[in-house]
Amino acid sequence: MSRKVDAVALITQDCKIALTAAPKQKDEQGFAHDVEKIGVKIQDVKRNWTERVDAMRELQGLVIGGAGRFRGFKEAIRDKVMHGLIAQISDLRSQVVKEACTCVVAMCKLTPPAVWEDMAAWFLPALIKQLPVTVLAISQASNEAVRFLIENNRLSMQAVRMIIEGTKFKNVKTRVRSFEHLFVLAHHMPLTHMHQTELDMLCHCVITGLSDTDPIVRQFARLLYWALEKVTPKATEVWARLGDQKRRQVSEEKKVYQGIDPEILRPMQNMYAREWDGVGLDTRQLVE
């Protein structure tokens, strides 16, 4: 990752993943039949890559067509598609990975949040593993998919822990991206709903990140402190554990944090608030 790129530049990058598949309107029985055929195709990693891409576009079409509202949607994806889609995310061909990431984004966008919450954790490990890949199209698509999951839906505590674990990787690019994800998470996930264990882990990330060997990780850690300081008293415990030099560095970053466009950090705030209040979303309202 170029040294000319700083944390703010990474935060403000636009997501380029767009849903372009044609909608496929099916009843629940028709969906179950189609998703089984799609699962067979994408689980066969030796199958011609263009066939796998076409199968994933079929899946996107079903989701765009409203399949996420079916009662058995989650179970069908888990039993018929999940392992195949994970295999495609892990592929070495950029077009395959990009199509798999688009599938994940489609399901996140067009599946009721209460249904999607557990599903995000199915795909996060494979997406995180692709972050340090040197092929830009693969690493960028994987990162944008993770960002989309965080920004547009709620995550389970299991998914939150997966992102936190990414900050411990030896690969610096993975650590940078994981801190980026935590910073965005701090603005999109109501921390009052985060379990104490995960909140403690998040605060610990700030402390360890401030001493990281990479300057972008250190900057993200400083920005993350100010994100936490706005929403949780736990930030005072972090401050108390910092030495004078670290406190001075964190204080100097406050103006940078305040200069970030707040609209970038809350594109789906209204939807998030509604879901945390227990109000479900009708998938049909989201289909374009």
Protein backbone atom coordinates (compact mmCIF):
# COMPACT_ATOMS: atom_id res chain seq x y z
CA MET A 1 0.00 0.00 0.00
CA SER A 2 1.43 3.35 -1.03
CA ARG A 3 2.83 5.53 1.71
CA LYS A 4 1.13 8.52 0.01
CA VAL A 5 -2.26 7.11 1.03
CA ASP A 6 -3.45 8.08 4.49
CA ALA A 7 -6.30 6.85 6.64
CA VAL A 8 -8.73 9.59 5.62
CA ALA A 9 -8.18 8.84 1.92
CA LEU A 10 -9.06 5.19 2.54
CA ILE A 11 -12.18 6.09 4.51
CA THR A 12 -13.52 8.36 1.78
CA GLN A 13 -13.04 5.96 -1.15
CA ASP A 14 -16.26 5.23 -3.05
CA CYS A 15 -17.65 1.72 -3.35
CA LYS A 16 -17.66 0.64 -6.99
CA ILE A 17 -19.74 -2.53 -6.54
CA ALA A 18 -23.03 -2.13 -8.40
CA LEU A 19 -25.94 -4.53 -8.85
CA THR A 20 -26.48 -4.92 -12.58
CA ALA A 21 -28.03 -8.39 -12.94
CA ALA A 22 -31.53 -8.57 -14.40
CA PRO A 23 -34.19 -9.27 -11.74
CA LYS A 24 -35.65 -12.80 -11.75
CA GLN A 25 -39.11 -12.99 -10.22
CA LYS A 26 -39.80 -16.45 -8.78
CA ASP A 27 -42.16 -17.96 -6.26
CA GLU A 28 -40.56 -19.74 -3.31
CA GLN A 29 -40.70 -23.15 -4.96
CA GLY A 30 -39.11 -21.80 -8.13
CA PHE A 31 -36.41 -20.08 -6.09
CA ALA A 32 -35.57 -23.32 -4.26
CA HIS A 33 -35.25 -25.16 -7.57
CA ASP A 34 -33.02 -22.49 -9.14
CA VAL A 35 -30.78 -22.00 -6.11
CA GLU A 36 -30.06 -25.73 -5.99
CA LYS A 37 -28.84 -25.66 -9.60
CA ILE A 38 -26.77 -22.56 -8.90
CA GLY A 39 -25.19 -24.24 -5.88
CA VAL A 40 -24.08 -27.23 -7.94
CA LYS A 41 -22.37 -24.97 -10.47
CA ILE A 42 -20.48 -22.72 -8.07
CA GLN A 43 -19.34 -25.53 -5.76
CA ASP A 44 -17.48 -27.11 -8.66
CA VAL A 45 -14.30 -24.97 -8.63
CA LYS A 46 -13.00 -26.84 -11.71
CA ARG A 47 -15.99 -25.79 -13.78
CA ASN A 48 -15.31 -23.20 -16.47
CA TRP A 49 -15.06 -19.82 -14.74
CA THR A 50 -17.54 -18.17 -17.11
CA GLU A 51 -20.19 -20.71 -16.11
CA ARG A 52 -19.56 -19.96 -12.45
CA VAL A 53 -19.84 -16.22 -13.11
CA ASP A 54 -23.12 -16.75 -14.98
CA ALA A 55 -24.46 -18.83 -12.08
CA MET A 56 -23.61 -16.10 -9.59
CA ARG A 57 -25.34 -13.53 -11.78
CA GLU A 58 -28.41 -15.78 -11.71
CA LEU A 59 -28.24 -15.73 -7.93
CA GLN A 60 -27.99 -11.95 -7.94
CA GLY A 61 -31.04 -11.80 -10.23
CA LEU A 62 -33.06 -13.91 -7.79
CA VAL A 63 -32.06 -11.70 -4.87
CA ILE A 64 -32.77 -8.49 -6.82
CA GLY A 65 -36.10 -10.02 -7.79
CA GLY A 66 -37.08 -10.24 -4.12
CA ALA A 67 -36.09 -13.78 -3.05
CA GLY A 68 -34.73 -12.41 0.24
CA ARG A 69 -38.29 -12.11 1.54
CA PHE A 70 -38.92 -15.86 1.35
CA ARG A 71 -39.17 -17.63 4.70
CA GLY A 72 -36.66 -20.30 3.65
CA PHE A 73 -34.15 -17.93 2.00
CA LYS A 74 -31.50 -18.08 4.70
CA GLU A 75 -31.58 -21.87 4.97
CA ALA A 76 -31.46 -22.28 1.18
CA ILE A 77 -28.39 -20.06 0.90
CA ARG A 78 -26.70 -21.86 3.80
CA ASP A 79 -27.40 -25.38 2.53
CA LYS A 80 -27.06 -24.91 -1.24
CA VAL A 81 -24.90 -21.88 -1.95
CA MET A 82 -22.76 -20.82 1.02
CA HIS A 83 -19.76 -23.14 0.52
CA GLY A 84 -19.71 -22.54 -3.22
CA LEU A 85 -19.84 -18.77 -2.80
CA ILE A 86 -17.01 -18.88 -0.26
CA ALA A 87 -14.96 -20.88 -2.79
CA GLN A 88 -15.61 -18.21 -5.45
CA ILE A 89 -14.61 -15.39 -3.08
CA SER A 90 -11.36 -17.29 -2.54
CA ASP A 91 -10.71 -17.77 -6.26
CA LEU A 92 -7.60 -16.41 -8.01
CA ARG A 93 -9.46 -14.93 -10.99
CA SER A 94 -10.49 -11.34 -10.38
CA GLN A 95 -13.74 -11.50 -12.38
CA VAL A 96 -14.91 -14.49 -10.34
CA VAL A 97 -14.07 -12.78 -7.05
CA LYS A 98 -15.77 -9.54 -8.09
CA GLU A 99 -18.96 -11.42 -9.03
CA ALA A 100 -18.91 -13.32 -5.72
CA CYS A 101 -18.47 -10.07 -3.80
CA THR A 102 -21.38 -8.59 -5.74
CA CYS A 103 -23.52 -11.56 -4.64
CA VAL A 104 -22.65 -10.84 -1.02
CA VAL A 105 -23.48 -7.14 -1.46
CA ALA A 106 -26.80 -8.00 -3.15
CA MET A 107 -27.85 -10.27 -0.28
CA CYS A 108 -26.78 -7.67 2.28
CA LYS A 109 -28.69 -4.89 0.53
CA LEU A 110 -31.86 -6.78 -0.29
CA THR A 111 -32.30 -9.17 2.63
CA PRO A 112 -34.08 -8.02 5.81
CA PRO A 113 -31.40 -7.09 8.40
CA ALA A 114 -32.67 -9.59 10.96
CA VAL A 115 -32.12 -12.36 8.40
CA TRP A 116 -28.75 -11.13 7.17
CA GLU A 117 -27.15 -10.55 10.59
CA ASP A 118 -25.83 -14.11 11.01
CA MET A 119 -25.17 -14.59 7.30
CA ALA A 120 -22.44 -11.91 7.16
CA ALA A 121 -20.21 -14.06 9.37
CA TRP A 122 -20.35 -16.87 6.80
CA PHE A 123 -18.47 -14.82 4.22
CA LEU A 124 -16.28 -12.46 6.26
CA PRO A 125 -13.32 -14.86 6.80
CA ALA A 126 -12.94 -15.44 3.05
CA LEU A 127 -13.28 -11.72 2.31
CA ILE A 128 -10.69 -10.80 4.95
CA LYS A 129 -8.22 -13.35 3.58
CA GLN A 130 -8.39 -11.65 0.19
CA LEU A 131 -7.52 -8.19 1.54
CA PRO A 132 -3.72 -8.55 1.17
CA VAL A 133 -3.83 -10.13 -2.30
CA THR A 134 -1.57 -8.25 -4.71
CA VAL A 135 -4.15 -8.30 -7.53
CA LEU A 136 -5.82 -4.92 -6.98
CA ALA A 137 -9.20 -5.92 -8.43
CA ILE A 138 -9.46 -8.80 -5.94
CA SER A 139 -8.34 -6.94 -2.83
CA GLN A 140 -10.44 -3.90 -3.72
CA ALA A 141 -13.63 -5.89 -4.35
CA SER A 142 -13.14 -7.81 -1.10
CA ASN A 143 -12.57 -4.63 0.87
CA GLU A 144 -15.59 -2.90 -0.66
CA ALA A 145 -17.76 -5.91 0.19
CA VAL A 146 -16.65 -5.81 3.83
CA ARG A 147 -17.24 -2.06 3.97
CA PHE A 148 -20.70 -2.51 2.49
CA LEU A 149 -21.58 -5.15 5.09
CA ILE A 150 -20.59 -2.78 7.87
CA GLU A 151 -22.17 0.37 6.44
CA ASN A 152 -25.50 -1.04 5.31
CA ASN A 153 -26.49 -3.68 7.82
CA ARG A 154 -25.94 -4.78 11.36
CA LEU A 155 -23.37 -7.44 12.21
CA SER A 156 -23.43 -10.22 14.77
CA MET A 157 -20.86 -10.17 17.56
CA GLN A 158 -19.15 -13.09 15.83
CA ALA A 159 -18.66 -10.93 12.75
CA VAL A 160 -17.36 -8.04 14.86
CA ARG A 161 -14.76 -10.34 16.44
CA MET A 162 -13.64 -11.49 12.99
CA ILE A 163 -12.93 -7.90 11.99
CA ILE A 164 -11.07 -7.25 15.25
CA GLU A 165 -8.94 -10.35 14.69
CA GLY A 166 -7.83 -8.86 11.37
CA THR A 167 -5.94 -6.15 13.26
CA LYS A 168 -3.61 -8.85 14.62
CA PHE A 169 -2.50 -10.21 11.24
CA LYS A 170 1.18 -10.05 10.32
CA ASN A 171 0.31 -8.67 6.89
CA VAL A 172 0.27 -4.88 7.15
CA LYS A 173 -2.34 -4.41 4.43
CA THR A 174 -4.78 -6.61 6.34
CA ARG A 175 -4.12 -4.64 9.53
CA VAL A 176 -4.69 -1.33 7.75
CA ARG A 177 -7.94 -2.50 6.20
CA SER A 178 -9.14 -4.03 9.48
CA PHE A 179 -8.60 -0.74 11.32
CA GLU A 180 -10.43 1.01 8.48
CA HIS A 181 -13.33 -1.39 9.01
CA LEU A 182 -13.35 -0.85 12.77
CA PHE A 183 -13.39 2.92 12.30
CA VAL A 184 -16.39 2.65 9.99
CA LEU A 185 -18.03 0.15 12.36
CA ALA A 186 -17.72 2.63 15.23
CA HIS A 187 -19.91 5.05 13.26
CA HIS A 188 -22.47 2.60 11.93
CA MET A 189 -23.06 0.07 14.67
CA PRO A 190 -24.65 1.48 17.83
CA LEU A 191 -21.95 0.65 20.37
CA THR A 192 -24.55 0.58 23.12
CA HIS A 193 -25.66 -2.69 21.51
CA MET A 194 -22.15 -4.14 21.46
CA HIS A 195 -21.37 -6.73 24.10
CA GLN A 196 -18.87 -5.76 26.79
CA THR A 197 -16.30 -8.30 25.58
CA GLU A 198 -16.25 -6.92 22.04
CA LEU A 199 -16.19 -3.32 23.30
CA ASP A 200 -13.17 -4.14 25.47
CA MET A 201 -11.49 -5.76 22.46
CA LEU A 202 -12.18 -2.66 20.39
CA CYS A 203 -10.59 -0.41 23.01
CA HIS A 204 -7.59 -2.73 23.20
CA CYS A 205 -7.21 -2.37 19.42
CA VAL A 206 -6.75 1.37 19.87
CA ILE A 207 -3.96 0.86 22.40
CA THR A 208 -2.09 -1.73 20.33
CA GLY A 209 -2.68 0.19 17.10
CA LEU A 210 -1.04 3.31 18.49
CA SER A 211 2.23 1.36 18.74
CA ASP A 212 1.97 -0.42 15.38
CA THR A 213 4.95 -0.30 13.04
CA ASP A 214 2.79 1.04 10.19
CA PRO A 215 1.99 4.78 10.15
CA ILE A 216 -1.47 4.34 8.56
CA VAL A 217 -2.45 1.82 11.25
CA ARG A 218 -1.30 4.29 13.90
CA GLN A 219 -3.36 7.05 12.30
CA PHE A 220 -6.43 4.84 12.17
CA ALA A 221 -5.94 4.00 15.85
CA ARG A 222 -5.87 7.71 16.70
CA LEU A 223 -8.99 8.37 14.64
CA LEU A 224 -10.68 5.33 16.18
CA TYR A 225 -10.04 6.77 19.63
CA TRP A 226 -12.01 9.92 18.75
CA ALA A 227 -14.80 7.84 17.24
CA LEU A 228 -15.08 5.91 20.52
CA GLU A 229 -14.75 9.07 22.60
CA LYS A 230 -17.99 10.37 21.09
CA VAL A 231 -20.09 7.35 22.01
CA THR A 232 -18.68 5.42 24.96
CA PRO A 233 -17.17 6.23 28.36
CA LYS A 234 -14.75 3.35 27.76
CA ALA A 235 -12.59 5.84 25.87
CA THR A 236 -11.55 7.38 29.18
CA GLU A 237 -10.03 4.05 30.18
CA VAL A 238 -8.01 4.03 26.97
CA TRP A 239 -6.81 7.60 27.61
CA ALA A 240 -5.74 6.70 31.13
CA ARG A 241 -3.46 3.97 29.78
CA LEU A 242 -1.63 6.25 27.35
CA GLY A 243 1.66 7.99 28.02
CA ASP A 244 2.22 11.69 27.42
CA GLN A 245 3.60 11.23 23.91
CA LYS A 246 0.70 9.03 22.79
CA ARG A 247 -1.82 11.48 24.29
CA ARG A 248 -0.21 14.34 22.39
CA GLN A 249 -0.32 12.39 19.12
CA VAL A 250 -3.95 11.43 19.66
CA SER A 251 -4.87 15.03 20.50
CA GLU A 252 -3.22 16.29 17.30
CA GLU A 253 -5.43 13.92 15.27
CA LYS A 254 -8.67 15.37 16.63
CA LYS A 255 -8.84 18.14 14.01
CA VAL A 256 -8.36 15.58 11.24
CA TYR A 257 -11.22 13.52 12.68
CA GLN A 258 -13.47 16.56 12.94
CA GLY A 259 -12.75 17.42 9.31
CA ILE A 260 -14.12 14.14 7.92
CA ASP A 261 -17.43 14.65 6.15
CA PRO A 262 -20.05 13.13 8.50
CA GLU A 263 -22.22 12.13 5.53
CA ILE A 264 -19.52 9.66 4.47
CA LEU A 265 -19.83 7.91 7.81
CA ARG A 266 -23.59 7.51 7.94
CA PRO A 267 -25.05 6.70 4.49
CA MET A 268 -27.65 4.33 5.96
CA GLN A 269 -28.10 5.74 9.45
CA ASN A 270 -31.91 5.91 9.28
CA MET A 271 -32.24 2.27 8.25
CA TYR A 272 -29.81 1.25 10.98
CA ALA A 273 -31.76 3.08 13.67
CA ARG A 274 -35.04 1.53 12.52
CA GLU A 275 -33.65 -1.97 12.67
CA TRP A 276 -32.11 -1.56 16.10
CA ASP A 277 -35.48 -0.36 17.31
CA GLY A 278 -36.87 -3.71 16.22
CA VAL A 279 -38.72 -2.51 13.13
CA GLY A 280 -38.25 -4.96 10.26
CA LEU A 281 -37.72 -3.95 6.66
CA ASP A 282 -39.77 -5.21 3.74
CA THR A 283 -37.34 -6.46 1.10
CA ARG A 284 -39.77 -5.51 -1.65
CA GLN A 285 -39.34 -1.83 -0.72
CA LEU A 286 -35.62 -2.11 -1.49
CA VAL A 287 -35.85 -3.77 -4.90
CA GLU A 288 -35.07 -1.23 -7.61
